[in-house]
N, C-alpha and C. Protein backbone atom coordinates (compact mmCIF):
# COMPACT_ATOMS: atom_id res chain seq x y z
N MET A 1 -33.12 44.01 -106.87
CA MET A 1 -31.95 44.84 -107.06
C MET A 1 -32.34 46.24 -107.52
N ASN A 2 -33.32 46.29 -108.40
CA ASN A 2 -33.78 47.57 -108.90
C ASN A 2 -34.44 48.39 -107.78
N THR A 3 -35.15 47.71 -106.89
CA THR A 3 -35.80 48.38 -105.76
C THR A 3 -34.75 48.97 -104.82
N LEU A 4 -33.68 48.23 -104.60
CA LEU A 4 -32.60 48.71 -103.75
C LEU A 4 -31.98 49.98 -104.33
N ARG A 5 -31.82 50.01 -105.63
CA ARG A 5 -31.26 51.20 -106.29
C ARG A 5 -32.17 52.40 -106.07
N HIS A 6 -33.49 52.21 -106.17
CA HIS A 6 -34.44 53.30 -105.95
C HIS A 6 -34.38 53.81 -104.51
N VAL A 7 -34.24 52.89 -103.58
CA VAL A 7 -34.14 53.29 -102.17
C VAL A 7 -32.88 54.10 -101.94
N VAL A 8 -31.77 53.67 -102.50
CA VAL A 8 -30.49 54.38 -102.34
C VAL A 8 -30.57 55.76 -102.96
N VAL A 9 -31.15 55.87 -104.14
CA VAL A 9 -31.27 57.17 -104.81
C VAL A 9 -32.19 58.09 -103.99
N ALA A 10 -33.30 57.56 -103.51
CA ALA A 10 -34.22 58.37 -102.70
C ALA A 10 -33.55 58.85 -101.42
N LEU A 11 -32.79 57.97 -100.78
CA LEU A 11 -32.08 58.34 -99.56
C LEU A 11 -31.02 59.41 -99.85
N ALA A 12 -30.31 59.26 -100.95
CA ALA A 12 -29.29 60.25 -101.32
C ALA A 12 -29.92 61.61 -101.58
N LEU A 13 -31.06 61.63 -102.25
CA LEU A 13 -31.75 62.90 -102.52
C LEU A 13 -32.25 63.53 -101.23
N LEU A 14 -32.75 62.71 -100.34
CA LEU A 14 -33.24 63.21 -99.06
C LEU A 14 -32.10 63.83 -98.25
N LEU A 15 -30.97 63.13 -98.18
CA LEU A 15 -29.83 63.65 -97.42
C LEU A 15 -29.24 64.88 -98.09
N ALA A 16 -29.23 64.93 -99.40
CA ALA A 16 -28.71 66.11 -100.10
C ALA A 16 -29.56 67.33 -99.77
N GLY A 17 -30.84 67.14 -99.62
CA GLY A 17 -31.72 68.25 -99.27
C GLY A 17 -31.44 68.77 -97.88
N THR A 18 -31.16 67.88 -96.93
CA THR A 18 -30.88 68.34 -95.57
C THR A 18 -29.54 69.04 -95.48
N VAL A 19 -28.56 68.58 -96.22
CA VAL A 19 -27.26 69.24 -96.21
C VAL A 19 -27.39 70.63 -96.81
N ALA A 20 -28.16 70.76 -97.86
CA ALA A 20 -28.35 72.08 -98.46
C ALA A 20 -29.10 73.00 -97.50
N ALA A 21 -30.00 72.44 -96.70
CA ALA A 21 -30.75 73.27 -95.75
C ALA A 21 -29.89 73.74 -94.60
N LEU A 22 -28.83 73.01 -94.27
CA LEU A 22 -27.99 73.39 -93.14
C LEU A 22 -27.18 74.65 -93.41
N HIS A 23 -26.75 74.85 -94.63
CA HIS A 23 -25.92 76.01 -94.93
C HIS A 23 -26.34 76.59 -96.28
N PRO A 24 -26.52 77.88 -96.33
CA PRO A 24 -26.84 78.49 -97.62
C PRO A 24 -25.67 78.38 -98.58
N LYS A 25 -25.97 78.35 -99.86
CA LYS A 25 -24.90 78.21 -100.84
C LYS A 25 -24.59 79.52 -101.55
N ASP A 26 -25.30 80.56 -101.21
CA ASP A 26 -25.10 81.82 -101.91
C ASP A 26 -24.20 82.79 -101.15
N PHE A 27 -23.03 82.31 -100.77
CA PHE A 27 -22.09 83.18 -100.09
C PHE A 27 -21.49 84.13 -101.10
N GLN A 28 -21.22 85.34 -100.66
CA GLN A 28 -20.68 86.35 -101.55
C GLN A 28 -19.17 86.26 -101.70
N SER A 29 -18.51 85.58 -100.75
CA SER A 29 -17.06 85.43 -100.84
C SER A 29 -16.64 84.26 -99.94
N PRO A 30 -15.44 83.74 -100.20
CA PRO A 30 -14.94 82.67 -99.32
C PRO A 30 -14.74 83.15 -97.88
N GLU A 31 -14.40 84.42 -97.70
CA GLU A 31 -14.22 84.96 -96.35
C GLU A 31 -15.55 84.98 -95.60
N GLU A 32 -16.62 85.36 -96.32
CA GLU A 32 -17.94 85.37 -95.70
C GLU A 32 -18.34 83.96 -95.27
N GLU A 33 -18.08 82.99 -96.12
CA GLU A 33 -18.40 81.61 -95.79
C GLU A 33 -17.60 81.12 -94.59
N ALA A 34 -16.31 81.47 -94.55
CA ALA A 34 -15.46 81.05 -93.44
C ALA A 34 -15.95 81.66 -92.12
N ARG A 35 -16.30 82.94 -92.13
CA ARG A 35 -16.82 83.60 -90.92
C ARG A 35 -18.13 82.96 -90.49
N TYR A 36 -19.00 82.73 -91.45
CA TYR A 36 -20.29 82.13 -91.18
C TYR A 36 -20.14 80.77 -90.51
N ARG A 37 -19.29 79.94 -91.07
CA ARG A 37 -19.09 78.60 -90.53
C ARG A 37 -18.45 78.65 -89.14
N ALA A 38 -17.50 79.55 -88.93
CA ALA A 38 -16.84 79.68 -87.63
C ALA A 38 -17.84 80.12 -86.55
N ILE A 39 -18.69 81.08 -86.88
CA ILE A 39 -19.67 81.56 -85.91
C ILE A 39 -20.71 80.47 -85.63
N ALA A 40 -21.15 79.78 -86.67
CA ALA A 40 -22.16 78.73 -86.50
C ALA A 40 -21.64 77.58 -85.65
N LYS A 41 -20.34 77.35 -85.66
CA LYS A 41 -19.77 76.29 -84.81
C LYS A 41 -19.67 76.72 -83.35
N GLU A 42 -19.60 78.01 -83.10
CA GLU A 42 -19.45 78.52 -81.73
C GLU A 42 -20.77 78.73 -81.02
N LEU A 43 -21.88 78.73 -81.76
CA LEU A 43 -23.18 78.94 -81.15
C LEU A 43 -23.91 77.62 -81.00
N ARG A 44 -24.65 77.47 -79.92
CA ARG A 44 -25.40 76.25 -79.63
C ARG A 44 -26.83 76.41 -80.13
N CYS A 45 -27.38 75.34 -80.67
CA CYS A 45 -28.78 75.34 -81.09
C CYS A 45 -29.66 75.36 -79.84
N VAL A 46 -30.64 76.26 -79.81
CA VAL A 46 -31.49 76.37 -78.63
C VAL A 46 -32.48 75.22 -78.52
N MET A 47 -32.75 74.54 -79.60
CA MET A 47 -33.67 73.41 -79.55
C MET A 47 -32.94 72.11 -79.25
N CYS A 48 -31.85 71.86 -79.97
CA CYS A 48 -31.12 70.59 -79.80
C CYS A 48 -30.32 70.58 -78.50
N GLN A 49 -29.77 71.69 -78.12
CA GLN A 49 -29.02 71.92 -76.90
C GLN A 49 -27.69 71.18 -76.82
N ASN A 50 -27.48 70.16 -77.59
CA ASN A 50 -26.18 69.48 -77.54
C ASN A 50 -25.49 69.53 -78.89
N GLN A 51 -26.02 70.32 -79.80
CA GLN A 51 -25.41 70.46 -81.12
C GLN A 51 -25.14 71.92 -81.39
N SER A 52 -24.11 72.13 -82.18
CA SER A 52 -23.83 73.50 -82.58
C SER A 52 -24.86 73.93 -83.62
N LEU A 53 -24.90 75.20 -83.86
CA LEU A 53 -25.79 75.73 -84.88
C LEU A 53 -25.43 75.16 -86.25
N ALA A 54 -24.15 74.91 -86.45
CA ALA A 54 -23.69 74.36 -87.73
C ALA A 54 -24.18 72.94 -87.95
N ASP A 55 -24.34 72.17 -86.89
CA ASP A 55 -24.69 70.75 -87.01
C ASP A 55 -26.17 70.45 -86.84
N SER A 56 -26.93 71.40 -86.36
CA SER A 56 -28.32 71.13 -86.00
C SER A 56 -29.25 71.12 -87.22
N PRO A 57 -30.12 70.11 -87.30
CA PRO A 57 -31.10 70.07 -88.39
C PRO A 57 -32.42 70.74 -88.02
N ALA A 58 -32.53 71.32 -86.84
CA ALA A 58 -33.80 71.90 -86.36
C ALA A 58 -34.18 73.13 -87.19
N GLY A 59 -35.47 73.36 -87.28
CA GLY A 59 -35.97 74.51 -88.02
C GLY A 59 -35.52 75.83 -87.42
N VAL A 60 -35.52 75.91 -86.09
CA VAL A 60 -35.08 77.14 -85.44
C VAL A 60 -33.60 77.40 -85.74
N ALA A 61 -32.82 76.35 -85.93
CA ALA A 61 -31.41 76.53 -86.27
C ALA A 61 -31.27 77.14 -87.66
N ASP A 62 -32.17 76.77 -88.58
CA ASP A 62 -32.16 77.40 -89.91
C ASP A 62 -32.38 78.90 -89.78
N ASP A 63 -33.35 79.27 -88.95
CA ASP A 63 -33.62 80.70 -88.75
C ASP A 63 -32.42 81.40 -88.14
N MET A 64 -31.79 80.75 -87.19
CA MET A 64 -30.63 81.35 -86.54
C MET A 64 -29.45 81.47 -87.51
N ARG A 65 -29.27 80.46 -88.35
CA ARG A 65 -28.19 80.53 -89.34
C ARG A 65 -28.43 81.67 -90.33
N ARG A 66 -29.70 81.83 -90.75
CA ARG A 66 -30.02 82.95 -91.65
C ARG A 66 -29.74 84.28 -90.96
N GLN A 67 -30.03 84.34 -89.66
CA GLN A 67 -29.77 85.57 -88.92
C GLN A 67 -28.27 85.85 -88.84
N VAL A 68 -27.47 84.80 -88.64
CA VAL A 68 -26.01 84.97 -88.63
C VAL A 68 -25.55 85.56 -89.95
N LEU A 69 -26.02 85.00 -91.04
CA LEU A 69 -25.61 85.49 -92.37
C LEU A 69 -26.08 86.92 -92.58
N THR A 70 -27.28 87.24 -92.14
CA THR A 70 -27.79 88.61 -92.26
C THR A 70 -26.93 89.58 -91.48
N LEU A 71 -26.55 89.21 -90.26
CA LEU A 71 -25.72 90.10 -89.44
C LEU A 71 -24.33 90.26 -90.04
N ILE A 72 -23.79 89.20 -90.62
CA ILE A 72 -22.49 89.31 -91.29
C ILE A 72 -22.59 90.32 -92.43
N ARG A 73 -23.66 90.21 -93.21
CA ARG A 73 -23.83 91.10 -94.37
C ARG A 73 -24.16 92.53 -93.96
N GLU A 74 -24.65 92.72 -92.74
CA GLU A 74 -24.89 94.07 -92.23
C GLU A 74 -23.59 94.72 -91.74
N GLY A 75 -22.51 93.97 -91.75
CA GLY A 75 -21.22 94.53 -91.36
C GLY A 75 -20.87 94.33 -89.90
N LYS A 76 -21.62 93.52 -89.19
CA LYS A 76 -21.30 93.26 -87.78
C LYS A 76 -20.07 92.37 -87.68
N ASP A 77 -19.26 92.61 -86.65
CA ASP A 77 -18.11 91.73 -86.45
C ASP A 77 -18.54 90.52 -85.63
N ASP A 78 -17.63 89.56 -85.48
CA ASP A 78 -17.97 88.31 -84.81
C ASP A 78 -18.43 88.54 -83.37
N ALA A 79 -17.78 89.45 -82.67
CA ALA A 79 -18.15 89.73 -81.27
C ALA A 79 -19.56 90.32 -81.19
N GLU A 80 -19.90 91.19 -82.13
CA GLU A 80 -21.24 91.79 -82.13
C GLU A 80 -22.31 90.74 -82.43
N ILE A 81 -22.01 89.82 -83.34
CA ILE A 81 -22.95 88.76 -83.67
C ILE A 81 -23.16 87.84 -82.47
N THR A 82 -22.07 87.47 -81.83
CA THR A 82 -22.16 86.62 -80.65
C THR A 82 -22.93 87.34 -79.54
N ALA A 83 -22.67 88.63 -79.35
CA ALA A 83 -23.37 89.42 -78.32
C ALA A 83 -24.86 89.50 -78.63
N PHE A 84 -25.22 89.60 -79.91
CA PHE A 84 -26.63 89.63 -80.31
C PHE A 84 -27.34 88.36 -79.84
N PHE A 85 -26.75 87.21 -80.13
CA PHE A 85 -27.37 85.95 -79.75
C PHE A 85 -27.33 85.73 -78.24
N GLN A 86 -26.26 86.19 -77.61
CA GLN A 86 -26.14 86.05 -76.16
C GLN A 86 -27.18 86.92 -75.45
N ALA A 87 -27.44 88.11 -75.96
CA ALA A 87 -28.46 88.97 -75.37
C ALA A 87 -29.85 88.35 -75.54
N ARG A 88 -30.05 87.68 -76.63
CA ARG A 88 -31.37 87.10 -76.91
C ARG A 88 -31.60 85.78 -76.16
N TYR A 89 -30.56 84.92 -76.09
CA TYR A 89 -30.72 83.57 -75.54
C TYR A 89 -29.95 83.31 -74.25
N GLY A 90 -29.12 84.24 -73.82
CA GLY A 90 -28.34 84.05 -72.60
C GLY A 90 -27.02 83.34 -72.87
N ASP A 91 -26.28 83.07 -71.78
CA ASP A 91 -24.96 82.45 -71.91
C ASP A 91 -25.04 81.03 -72.44
N PHE A 92 -26.19 80.40 -72.32
CA PHE A 92 -26.34 79.02 -72.79
C PHE A 92 -26.03 78.88 -74.27
N ILE A 93 -26.26 79.92 -75.04
CA ILE A 93 -26.08 79.86 -76.49
C ILE A 93 -24.61 79.67 -76.88
N LEU A 94 -23.70 80.02 -75.98
CA LEU A 94 -22.27 79.95 -76.27
C LEU A 94 -21.71 78.58 -75.89
N TYR A 95 -20.91 78.01 -76.78
CA TYR A 95 -20.23 76.76 -76.43
C TYR A 95 -19.11 77.02 -75.43
N ARG A 96 -18.51 78.19 -75.50
CA ARG A 96 -17.47 78.57 -74.55
C ARG A 96 -17.89 79.87 -73.86
N PRO A 97 -18.74 79.76 -72.84
CA PRO A 97 -19.19 80.98 -72.16
C PRO A 97 -18.04 81.67 -71.44
N GLU A 98 -18.23 82.95 -71.18
CA GLU A 98 -17.22 83.73 -70.47
C GLU A 98 -17.06 83.19 -69.05
N VAL A 99 -15.85 83.33 -68.50
CA VAL A 99 -15.61 82.93 -67.11
C VAL A 99 -16.06 84.08 -66.22
N LYS A 100 -17.15 83.85 -65.52
CA LYS A 100 -17.69 84.82 -64.57
C LYS A 100 -18.41 84.03 -63.50
N PRO A 101 -18.75 84.65 -62.38
CA PRO A 101 -19.35 83.89 -61.27
C PRO A 101 -20.53 83.01 -61.66
N VAL A 102 -21.33 83.46 -62.59
CA VAL A 102 -22.50 82.67 -63.00
C VAL A 102 -22.09 81.38 -63.71
N THR A 103 -20.95 81.39 -64.39
CA THR A 103 -20.52 80.22 -65.18
C THR A 103 -19.37 79.45 -64.52
N TRP A 104 -19.04 79.76 -63.28
CA TRP A 104 -17.95 79.03 -62.61
C TRP A 104 -18.23 77.54 -62.54
N ALA A 105 -19.48 77.16 -62.31
CA ALA A 105 -19.81 75.74 -62.23
C ALA A 105 -19.51 75.04 -63.55
N LEU A 106 -19.77 75.71 -64.66
CA LEU A 106 -19.47 75.12 -65.97
C LEU A 106 -17.97 74.95 -66.18
N TRP A 107 -17.21 75.95 -65.78
CA TRP A 107 -15.78 75.92 -66.03
C TRP A 107 -15.01 75.06 -65.03
N PHE A 108 -15.36 75.18 -63.74
CA PHE A 108 -14.55 74.53 -62.72
C PHE A 108 -15.22 73.31 -62.09
N GLY A 109 -16.49 73.11 -62.35
CA GLY A 109 -17.23 71.98 -61.80
C GLY A 109 -16.62 70.62 -62.15
N PRO A 110 -16.32 70.36 -63.42
CA PRO A 110 -15.75 69.05 -63.76
C PRO A 110 -14.42 68.77 -63.04
N ALA A 111 -13.55 69.77 -62.96
CA ALA A 111 -12.27 69.57 -62.27
C ALA A 111 -12.50 69.33 -60.77
N LEU A 112 -13.44 70.06 -60.20
CA LEU A 112 -13.75 69.88 -58.78
C LEU A 112 -14.30 68.48 -58.53
N LEU A 113 -15.20 68.01 -59.37
CA LEU A 113 -15.74 66.65 -59.23
C LEU A 113 -14.64 65.60 -59.38
N LEU A 114 -13.72 65.84 -60.29
CA LEU A 114 -12.61 64.91 -60.47
C LEU A 114 -11.73 64.86 -59.22
N LEU A 115 -11.44 66.00 -58.64
CA LEU A 115 -10.63 66.05 -57.42
C LEU A 115 -11.35 65.37 -56.25
N VAL A 116 -12.64 65.61 -56.11
CA VAL A 116 -13.40 64.97 -55.03
C VAL A 116 -13.42 63.46 -55.23
N GLY A 117 -13.63 63.01 -56.46
CA GLY A 117 -13.62 61.58 -56.75
C GLY A 117 -12.28 60.94 -56.45
N ALA A 118 -11.19 61.62 -56.83
CA ALA A 118 -9.85 61.10 -56.54
C ALA A 118 -9.62 61.03 -55.03
N GLY A 119 -10.09 62.03 -54.30
CA GLY A 119 -9.95 62.02 -52.85
C GLY A 119 -10.71 60.86 -52.22
N VAL A 120 -11.89 60.57 -52.71
CA VAL A 120 -12.68 59.44 -52.20
C VAL A 120 -11.96 58.13 -52.48
N VAL A 121 -11.44 57.97 -53.67
CA VAL A 121 -10.72 56.73 -54.01
C VAL A 121 -9.49 56.56 -53.13
N VAL A 122 -8.73 57.62 -52.92
CA VAL A 122 -7.53 57.55 -52.08
C VAL A 122 -7.91 57.19 -50.65
N SER A 123 -8.97 57.79 -50.12
CA SER A 123 -9.35 57.48 -48.74
C SER A 123 -9.83 56.04 -48.61
N ILE A 124 -10.54 55.52 -49.59
CA ILE A 124 -10.99 54.13 -49.54
C ILE A 124 -9.81 53.18 -49.59
N VAL A 125 -8.85 53.46 -50.45
CA VAL A 125 -7.67 52.59 -50.56
C VAL A 125 -6.87 52.63 -49.26
N ARG A 126 -6.69 53.79 -48.66
CA ARG A 126 -5.95 53.88 -47.40
C ARG A 126 -6.67 53.15 -46.28
N ARG A 127 -7.97 53.27 -46.23
CA ARG A 127 -8.75 52.60 -45.19
C ARG A 127 -8.64 51.08 -45.35
N GLN A 128 -8.65 50.59 -46.56
CA GLN A 128 -8.55 49.15 -46.79
C GLN A 128 -7.17 48.64 -46.37
N LYS A 129 -6.14 49.43 -46.59
CA LYS A 129 -4.79 49.02 -46.19
C LYS A 129 -4.66 48.93 -44.67
N THR A 130 -5.25 49.87 -43.95
CA THR A 130 -5.13 49.87 -42.49
C THR A 130 -6.06 48.85 -41.85
N ASP A 131 -7.18 48.57 -42.46
CA ASP A 131 -8.14 47.61 -41.90
C ASP A 131 -7.73 46.16 -42.15
N ALA A 132 -6.99 45.92 -43.18
CA ALA A 132 -6.63 44.53 -43.53
C ALA A 132 -5.56 44.03 -42.56
N PRO A 133 -5.81 42.87 -41.91
CA PRO A 133 -4.79 42.32 -41.01
C PRO A 133 -3.60 41.80 -41.82
N ALA A 134 -2.46 41.96 -41.22
CA ALA A 134 -1.26 41.45 -41.89
C ALA A 134 -1.26 39.94 -41.79
N ALA A 135 -1.29 39.29 -42.89
CA ALA A 135 -1.32 37.82 -42.91
C ALA A 135 0.10 37.30 -42.81
N PRO A 136 0.29 36.30 -41.98
CA PRO A 136 1.64 35.73 -41.91
C PRO A 136 1.98 35.06 -43.24
N PRO A 137 3.24 35.09 -43.58
CA PRO A 137 3.62 34.45 -44.85
C PRO A 137 3.29 32.95 -44.80
N ALA A 138 2.76 32.49 -45.89
CA ALA A 138 2.40 31.07 -45.97
C ALA A 138 3.68 30.23 -45.99
N GLU A 139 3.59 29.10 -45.28
CA GLU A 139 4.75 28.20 -45.29
C GLU A 139 4.81 27.50 -46.62
N ASP A 140 5.97 27.47 -47.12
CA ASP A 140 6.13 26.83 -48.43
C ASP A 140 6.57 25.39 -48.22
N ARG A 141 5.63 24.52 -48.22
CA ARG A 141 5.94 23.11 -48.04
C ARG A 141 5.70 22.41 -49.34
N GLN A 142 6.74 21.99 -49.87
CA GLN A 142 6.61 21.23 -51.10
C GLN A 142 7.10 19.82 -50.80
N GLU A 143 6.36 18.90 -51.29
CA GLU A 143 6.78 17.50 -51.12
C GLU A 143 7.50 17.06 -52.36
N TRP A 144 8.62 16.40 -52.09
CA TRP A 144 9.41 15.92 -53.22
C TRP A 144 9.17 14.51 -53.45
C-alpha cells in the first residue's frame, strides 16, 4: 500500500511538471493569458501535426509557445502573430487555413468525397432493384 502511494505521488509530480511546461505561468494580465491560449489553440504543432500548439508536449511546441508569448509582449496583434508562423511554416500551421486554390482540397475535399460516396451507394441500390427478378407472391397455405 505504501509503494502504491509513492507511485501515485511520483506520477502526480511528473504530470504536474508537464502541465507547467505546456503554458508559462508568468502572464502579465488575464487578457494576455486569454490571447495566448486562443492563439495557441489555433496553431498546429509542427512535430505532432495532429495537435494544437496548446496541447502538444513536444519540445518544439515549447519554443513556439514562448515565441507566441514574446510576440504578444512585443505588441503584435493576433493576425500578425499568425502571419509570422504562417510565413515560417506555411499554411499547414493553421488549423483553419484560408480558402484559396491551394487549400480547396482541405476545405471541399471531404464534402466532395461524401457526395461521390452517396452517389455510389445510390447507383448500387438502383442496380440491385432493377436486377432482382420480381418474385411471385408465395401462396399462403395453412393447414388447419
